[in-house]
Amino acid sequence: MRQSGEQNWQRGEGDERIYVVEPTGDFEDDPNVTDKKFPGNPTKSNRSKQPLKIVAEVIKWEEHSPDILNNMLENLRKLSEQGIKAID
């Protein structure tokens, strides 16, 4: 079982891809992002138990630098140490 802040990222054989998707059923604001960090959901973070329809592939994407990624992971570690866990 994953702990809060623990990532399970795996790199496959092929190229990485980013898709634009739309829900095929009900969806809701992701409470792990919107309830505490960003009230009003400005990040447009959603979740659904229903399938998502791929409507486009993002062709041009600038990755976060290793420094930014490390900072994000460090902030997750600090939250975990403070006892702040994922809501749901």
N, C-alpha and C. Protein backbone atom coordinates (compact mmCIF):
# COMPACT_ATOMS: atom_id res chain seq x y z
N MET A 1 0.85 -1.18 0.00
CA MET A 1 0.00 0.00 0.00
C MET A 1 0.89 1.24 0.00
N ARG A 2 0.56 2.21 -0.84
CA ARG A 2 1.34 3.44 -0.92
C ARG A 2 1.05 4.35 0.27
N GLN A 3 2.08 4.96 0.80
CA GLN A 3 1.95 5.98 1.84
C GLN A 3 1.70 7.32 1.17
N SER A 4 1.14 8.25 1.91
CA SER A 4 0.93 9.59 1.39
C SER A 4 2.27 10.19 0.98
N GLY A 5 2.32 10.73 -0.23
CA GLY A 5 3.56 11.34 -0.72
C GLY A 5 4.48 10.37 -1.42
N GLU A 6 4.19 9.08 -1.35
CA GLU A 6 5.04 8.08 -2.02
C GLU A 6 4.56 7.92 -3.45
N GLN A 7 5.48 7.99 -4.38
CA GLN A 7 5.11 7.90 -5.78
C GLN A 7 5.42 6.51 -6.32
N ASN A 8 4.66 6.09 -7.28
CA ASN A 8 4.85 4.81 -7.92
C ASN A 8 4.96 5.04 -9.42
N TRP A 9 5.94 5.84 -9.81
CA TRP A 9 6.13 6.16 -11.21
C TRP A 9 6.97 5.10 -11.86
N GLN A 10 6.54 4.62 -13.00
CA GLN A 10 7.27 3.59 -13.72
C GLN A 10 7.47 4.07 -15.15
N ARG A 11 8.64 3.84 -15.65
CA ARG A 11 8.95 4.23 -17.02
C ARG A 11 8.83 2.98 -17.90
N GLY A 12 7.97 3.07 -18.91
CA GLY A 12 7.78 1.95 -19.81
C GLY A 12 8.78 1.96 -20.95
N GLU A 13 8.55 1.10 -21.89
CA GLU A 13 9.46 0.95 -23.04
C GLU A 13 9.31 2.08 -24.06
N GLY A 14 8.10 2.56 -24.24
CA GLY A 14 7.84 3.55 -25.28
C GLY A 14 8.03 4.98 -24.80
N ASP A 15 7.71 5.91 -25.70
CA ASP A 15 7.79 7.32 -25.37
C ASP A 15 6.69 7.68 -24.36
N GLU A 16 7.00 8.69 -23.53
CA GLU A 16 5.99 9.20 -22.61
C GLU A 16 4.97 9.99 -23.40
N ARG A 17 3.71 9.97 -22.94
CA ARG A 17 2.65 10.68 -23.64
C ARG A 17 1.78 11.41 -22.64
N ILE A 18 1.25 12.54 -23.07
CA ILE A 18 0.31 13.31 -22.26
C ILE A 18 -0.93 13.52 -23.12
N TYR A 19 -2.09 13.24 -22.52
CA TYR A 19 -3.33 13.32 -23.27
C TYR A 19 -4.27 14.36 -22.68
N VAL A 20 -5.07 14.95 -23.54
CA VAL A 20 -6.22 15.76 -23.14
C VAL A 20 -7.39 14.79 -23.12
N VAL A 21 -8.11 14.76 -22.00
CA VAL A 21 -9.21 13.79 -21.86
C VAL A 21 -10.49 14.50 -21.46
N GLU A 22 -11.59 13.81 -21.67
CA GLU A 22 -12.87 14.30 -21.16
C GLU A 22 -13.60 13.13 -20.52
N PRO A 23 -14.39 13.41 -19.50
CA PRO A 23 -15.08 12.33 -18.79
C PRO A 23 -16.20 11.74 -19.64
N THR A 24 -16.46 10.45 -19.43
CA THR A 24 -17.59 9.81 -20.09
C THR A 24 -18.75 9.63 -19.12
N GLY A 25 -18.54 10.00 -17.88
CA GLY A 25 -19.57 9.89 -16.84
C GLY A 25 -19.34 10.93 -15.77
N ASP A 26 -19.83 10.62 -14.58
CA ASP A 26 -19.69 11.55 -13.47
C ASP A 26 -18.22 11.75 -13.10
N PHE A 27 -17.91 12.97 -12.66
CA PHE A 27 -16.58 13.27 -12.13
C PHE A 27 -16.73 14.32 -11.05
N GLU A 28 -15.69 14.46 -10.23
CA GLU A 28 -15.74 15.42 -9.14
C GLU A 28 -14.38 16.10 -8.98
N ASP A 29 -14.38 17.24 -8.30
CA ASP A 29 -13.12 17.88 -7.97
C ASP A 29 -12.32 16.91 -7.11
N ASP A 30 -11.02 16.85 -7.31
CA ASP A 30 -10.16 15.98 -6.51
C ASP A 30 -9.95 16.62 -5.15
N PRO A 31 -10.51 16.04 -4.08
CA PRO A 31 -10.42 16.67 -2.76
C PRO A 31 -8.99 16.75 -2.23
N ASN A 32 -8.09 15.93 -2.73
CA ASN A 32 -6.71 15.97 -2.26
C ASN A 32 -6.01 17.24 -2.72
N VAL A 33 -6.51 17.87 -3.76
CA VAL A 33 -5.91 19.10 -4.26
C VAL A 33 -6.79 20.29 -3.91
N THR A 34 -8.09 20.18 -4.17
CA THR A 34 -8.95 21.36 -4.13
C THR A 34 -9.41 21.75 -2.74
N ASP A 35 -9.64 20.81 -1.85
CA ASP A 35 -10.20 21.16 -0.54
C ASP A 35 -9.20 21.90 0.35
N LYS A 36 -7.94 21.56 0.25
CA LYS A 36 -6.96 22.14 1.16
C LYS A 36 -6.05 23.15 0.49
N LYS A 37 -5.54 22.83 -0.67
CA LYS A 37 -4.53 23.68 -1.29
C LYS A 37 -5.10 24.77 -2.18
N PHE A 38 -6.08 24.42 -2.98
CA PHE A 38 -6.56 25.35 -4.00
C PHE A 38 -8.09 25.40 -4.01
N PRO A 39 -8.71 26.05 -3.01
CA PRO A 39 -10.17 26.13 -3.02
C PRO A 39 -10.69 26.73 -4.33
N GLY A 40 -11.75 26.14 -4.83
CA GLY A 40 -12.33 26.60 -6.08
C GLY A 40 -11.80 25.85 -7.30
N ASN A 41 -10.82 24.98 -7.12
CA ASN A 41 -10.27 24.12 -8.17
C ASN A 41 -9.66 24.88 -9.35
N PRO A 42 -8.77 25.84 -9.11
CA PRO A 42 -8.13 26.53 -10.24
C PRO A 42 -7.19 25.64 -11.04
N THR A 43 -6.75 24.51 -10.46
CA THR A 43 -5.86 23.60 -11.18
C THR A 43 -6.63 22.64 -12.09
N LYS A 44 -7.97 22.70 -12.01
CA LYS A 44 -8.83 21.80 -12.79
C LYS A 44 -8.48 20.34 -12.53
N SER A 45 -8.25 20.01 -11.27
CA SER A 45 -7.93 18.64 -10.86
C SER A 45 -9.22 17.90 -10.55
N ASN A 46 -9.48 16.86 -11.32
CA ASN A 46 -10.71 16.09 -11.17
C ASN A 46 -10.39 14.62 -11.06
N ARG A 47 -11.39 13.86 -10.66
CA ARG A 47 -11.26 12.40 -10.66
C ARG A 47 -12.60 11.79 -11.00
N SER A 48 -12.52 10.55 -11.50
CA SER A 48 -13.73 9.86 -11.93
C SER A 48 -13.51 8.36 -11.80
N LYS A 49 -14.56 7.65 -11.50
CA LYS A 49 -14.51 6.19 -11.52
C LYS A 49 -14.88 5.67 -12.91
N GLN A 50 -15.36 6.57 -13.76
CA GLN A 50 -15.76 6.22 -15.12
C GLN A 50 -14.57 6.36 -16.06
N PRO A 51 -14.62 5.69 -17.21
CA PRO A 51 -13.54 5.84 -18.19
C PRO A 51 -13.42 7.28 -18.69
N LEU A 52 -12.24 7.62 -19.15
CA LEU A 52 -12.01 8.92 -19.77
C LEU A 52 -11.82 8.74 -21.26
N LYS A 53 -12.29 9.69 -22.04
CA LYS A 53 -12.15 9.65 -23.50
C LYS A 53 -10.96 10.52 -23.88
N ILE A 54 -10.01 9.96 -24.61
CA ILE A 54 -8.87 10.74 -25.10
C ILE A 54 -9.35 11.55 -26.29
N VAL A 55 -9.18 12.88 -26.21
CA VAL A 55 -9.61 13.75 -27.30
C VAL A 55 -8.44 14.36 -28.05
N ALA A 56 -7.25 14.34 -27.45
CA ALA A 56 -6.07 14.88 -28.13
C ALA A 56 -4.81 14.42 -27.39
N GLU A 57 -3.70 14.50 -28.07
CA GLU A 57 -2.41 14.25 -27.44
C GLU A 57 -1.64 15.56 -27.41
N VAL A 58 -1.04 15.86 -26.26
CA VAL A 58 -0.22 17.06 -26.14
C VAL A 58 1.12 16.75 -26.80
N ILE A 59 1.44 17.48 -27.85
CA ILE A 59 2.66 17.21 -28.62
C ILE A 59 3.86 17.97 -28.05
N LYS A 60 3.63 19.22 -27.68
CA LYS A 60 4.73 20.04 -27.19
C LYS A 60 4.58 20.23 -25.68
N TRP A 61 5.54 19.73 -24.91
CA TRP A 61 5.48 19.81 -23.45
C TRP A 61 6.88 20.04 -22.93
N GLU A 62 7.02 21.03 -22.08
CA GLU A 62 8.31 21.29 -21.46
C GLU A 62 8.31 20.66 -20.07
N GLU A 63 9.18 19.70 -19.86
CA GLU A 63 9.24 19.00 -18.58
C GLU A 63 9.68 19.93 -17.46
N HIS A 64 9.29 19.55 -16.23
CA HIS A 64 9.82 20.24 -15.06
C HIS A 64 11.30 19.87 -14.93
N SER A 65 12.08 20.80 -14.45
CA SER A 65 13.50 20.52 -14.23
C SER A 65 13.65 19.56 -13.06
N PRO A 66 14.79 18.85 -12.98
CA PRO A 66 15.03 17.97 -11.83
C PRO A 66 14.94 18.73 -10.50
N ASP A 67 15.36 19.99 -10.47
CA ASP A 67 15.27 20.79 -9.24
C ASP A 67 13.82 20.99 -8.81
N ILE A 68 12.96 21.30 -9.77
CA ILE A 68 11.54 21.50 -9.45
C ILE A 68 10.92 20.20 -8.97
N LEU A 69 11.21 19.09 -9.66
CA LEU A 69 10.68 17.79 -9.24
C LEU A 69 11.15 17.43 -7.84
N ASN A 70 12.43 17.64 -7.56
CA ASN A 70 12.95 17.34 -6.23
C ASN A 70 12.28 18.20 -5.17
N ASN A 71 12.02 19.47 -5.49
CA ASN A 71 11.33 20.36 -4.56
C ASN A 71 9.91 19.87 -4.28
N MET A 72 9.22 19.42 -5.31
CA MET A 72 7.86 18.88 -5.13
C MET A 72 7.89 17.66 -4.20
N LEU A 73 8.82 16.76 -4.45
CA LEU A 73 8.93 15.55 -3.63
C LEU A 73 9.31 15.89 -2.20
N GLU A 74 10.18 16.86 -2.02
CA GLU A 74 10.57 17.30 -0.67
C GLU A 74 9.37 17.88 0.07
N ASN A 75 8.55 18.68 -0.61
CA ASN A 75 7.35 19.23 0.02
C ASN A 75 6.37 18.13 0.41
N LEU A 76 6.24 17.10 -0.41
CA LEU A 76 5.38 15.97 -0.04
C LEU A 76 5.92 15.25 1.19
N ARG A 77 7.24 15.10 1.25
CA ARG A 77 7.86 14.45 2.41
C ARG A 77 7.58 15.26 3.68
N LYS A 78 7.72 16.59 3.60
CA LYS A 78 7.48 17.45 4.74
C LYS A 78 6.03 17.36 5.21
N LEU A 79 5.09 17.34 4.26
CA LEU A 79 3.68 17.20 4.62
C LEU A 79 3.44 15.88 5.34
N SER A 80 4.05 14.83 4.85
CA SER A 80 3.90 13.52 5.47
C SER A 80 4.45 13.53 6.90
N GLU A 81 5.59 14.18 7.10
CA GLU A 81 6.18 14.29 8.44
C GLU A 81 5.27 15.07 9.39
N GLN A 82 4.50 16.01 8.85
CA GLN A 82 3.58 16.81 9.66
C GLN A 82 2.27 16.06 9.92
N GLY A 83 2.16 14.86 9.34
CA GLY A 83 0.95 14.08 9.54
C GLY A 83 -0.16 14.42 8.56
N ILE A 84 0.15 15.24 7.56
CA ILE A 84 -0.86 15.60 6.56
C ILE A 84 -0.87 14.52 5.49
N LYS A 85 -2.00 13.86 5.37
CA LYS A 85 -2.12 12.75 4.44
C LYS A 85 -3.18 13.06 3.40
N ALA A 86 -3.20 12.24 2.37
CA ALA A 86 -4.23 12.39 1.33
C ALA A 86 -5.60 12.26 1.99
N ILE A 87 -6.55 13.04 1.50
CA ILE A 87 -7.91 13.02 2.05
C ILE A 87 -8.61 11.73 1.67
N ASP A 88 -8.48 11.34 0.41
CA ASP A 88 -9.27 10.22 -0.09
C ASP A 88 -8.55 9.61 -1.27
